[in-house]
């Protein structure tokens, strides 16, 4: 039918040295734990900034 046309197929066999660390690779369970830990740390730092801003506003209002 002439629907397919075979062109040039080239394979590159370049070998590169990998620098992936087996200690940095994460399983799904470990990735979930790490994500929760990072989100918790972000939440705590954001809450500390909010409390500091509230303290500044209260000090200005009292003055």
C-alpha atoms as a PDB file:
ATOM      1  CA  UNK A   1       0.000   0.000   0.000  1.00  0.00           C
ATOM      2  CA  UNK A   2       2.997   2.279   0.308  1.00  0.00           C
ATOM      3  CA  UNK A   3       2.094   3.575   3.784  1.00  0.00           C
ATOM      4  CA  UNK A   4       5.457   2.854   5.377  1.00  0.00           C
ATOM      5  CA  UNK A   5       8.832   4.097   4.301  1.00  0.00           C
ATOM      6  CA  UNK A   6      12.025   2.731   5.786  1.00  0.00           C
ATOM      7  CA  UNK A   7      14.594   5.452   6.418  1.00  0.00           C
ATOM      8  CA  UNK A   8      17.994   5.512   8.082  1.00  0.00           C
ATOM      9  CA  UNK A   9      18.322   3.975  11.537  1.00  0.00           C
ATOM     10  CA  UNK A  10      21.408   4.980  13.492  1.00  0.00           C
ATOM     11  CA  UNK A  11      22.520   3.728  16.888  1.00  0.00           C
ATOM     12  CA  UNK A  12      24.899   5.694  19.046  1.00  0.00           C
ATOM     13  CA  UNK A  13      26.955   3.443  21.289  1.00  0.00           C
ATOM     14  CA  UNK A  14      28.521   6.243  23.304  1.00  0.00           C
ATOM     15  CA  UNK A  15      29.417   5.110  26.801  1.00  0.00           C
ATOM     16  CA  UNK A  16      29.354   7.676  29.565  1.00  0.00           C
ATOM     17  CA  UNK A  17      30.511   7.308  33.119  1.00  0.00           C
ATOM     18  CA  UNK A  18      27.496   7.523  35.409  1.00  0.00           C
ATOM     19  CA  UNK A  19      27.619   9.490  38.638  1.00  0.00           C
ATOM     20  CA  UNK A  20      24.377   8.277  40.192  1.00  0.00           C
ATOM     21  CA  UNK A  21      24.794   7.402  43.840  1.00  0.00           C
ATOM     22  CA  UNK A  22      23.171   4.291  45.226  1.00  0.00           C
ATOM     23  CA  UNK A  23      22.791   6.221  48.482  1.00  0.00           C
ATOM     24  CA  UNK A  24      20.737   8.934  46.792  1.00  0.00           C
ATOM     25  CA  UNK A  25      18.387   6.519  45.007  1.00  0.00           C
ATOM     26  CA  UNK A  26      15.079   6.248  46.837  1.00  0.00           C
ATOM     27  CA  UNK A  27      12.394   3.652  47.020  1.00  0.00           C
ATOM     28  CA  UNK A  28       8.805   4.810  46.820  1.00  0.00           C
ATOM     29  CA  UNK A  29       8.353   4.458  50.586  1.00  0.00           C
ATOM     30  CA  UNK A  30      11.533   6.391  51.361  1.00  0.00           C
ATOM     31  CA  UNK A  31      10.599   9.126  48.891  1.00  0.00           C
ATOM     32  CA  UNK A  32       7.225   9.550  50.620  1.00  0.00           C
ATOM     33  CA  UNK A  33       8.917   9.781  54.033  1.00  0.00           C
ATOM     34  CA  UNK A  34      11.404  12.363  52.749  1.00  0.00           C
ATOM     35  CA  UNK A  35       8.639  14.410  51.123  1.00  0.00           C
ATOM     36  CA  UNK A  36       6.647  14.485  54.364  1.00  0.00           C
ATOM     37  CA  UNK A  37       9.757  15.492  56.322  1.00  0.00           C
ATOM     38  CA  UNK A  38      10.524  18.336  53.915  1.00  0.00           C
ATOM     39  CA  UNK A  39       6.927  19.560  53.915  1.00  0.00           C
ATOM     40  CA  UNK A  40       6.866  19.510  57.719  1.00  0.00           C
ATOM     41  CA  UNK A  41      10.103  21.502  57.923  1.00  0.00           C
ATOM     42  CA  UNK A  42       8.750  24.025  55.398  1.00  0.00           C
ATOM     43  CA  UNK A  43       5.505  24.354  57.362  1.00  0.00           C
ATOM     44  CA  UNK A  44       7.336  24.915  60.644  1.00  0.00           C
ATOM     45  CA  UNK A  45       9.611  27.603  59.219  1.00  0.00           C
ATOM     46  CA  UNK A  46       6.637  29.347  57.604  1.00  0.00           C
ATOM     47  CA  UNK A  47       4.743  29.260  60.902  1.00  0.00           C
ATOM     48  CA  UNK A  48       7.748  30.789  62.701  1.00  0.00           C
ATOM     49  CA  UNK A  49       7.856  33.658  60.157  1.00  0.00           C
ATOM     50  CA  UNK A  50       4.122  34.262  60.571  1.00  0.00           C
ATOM     51  CA  UNK A  51       4.453  34.382  64.361  1.00  0.00           C
ATOM     52  CA  UNK A  52       7.371  36.818  64.104  1.00  0.00           C
ATOM     53  CA  UNK A  53       5.342  39.084  61.809  1.00  0.00           C
ATOM     54  CA  UNK A  54       2.395  38.953  64.219  1.00  0.00           C
ATOM     55  CA  UNK A  55       4.660  39.928  67.094  1.00  0.00           C
ATOM     56  CA  UNK A  56       5.953  42.910  65.100  1.00  0.00           C
ATOM     57  CA  UNK A  57       2.409  44.015  64.269  1.00  0.00           C
ATOM     58  CA  UNK A  58       1.337  43.735  67.913  1.00  0.00           C
ATOM     59  CA  UNK A  59       4.377  45.745  69.012  1.00  0.00           C
ATOM     60  CA  UNK A  60       3.595  48.470  66.474  1.00  0.00           C
ATOM     61  CA  UNK A  61      -0.045  48.553  67.552  1.00  0.00           C
ATOM     62  CA  UNK A  62       0.965  48.867  71.211  1.00  0.00           C
ATOM     63  CA  UNK A  63       3.335  51.756  70.437  1.00  0.00           C
END
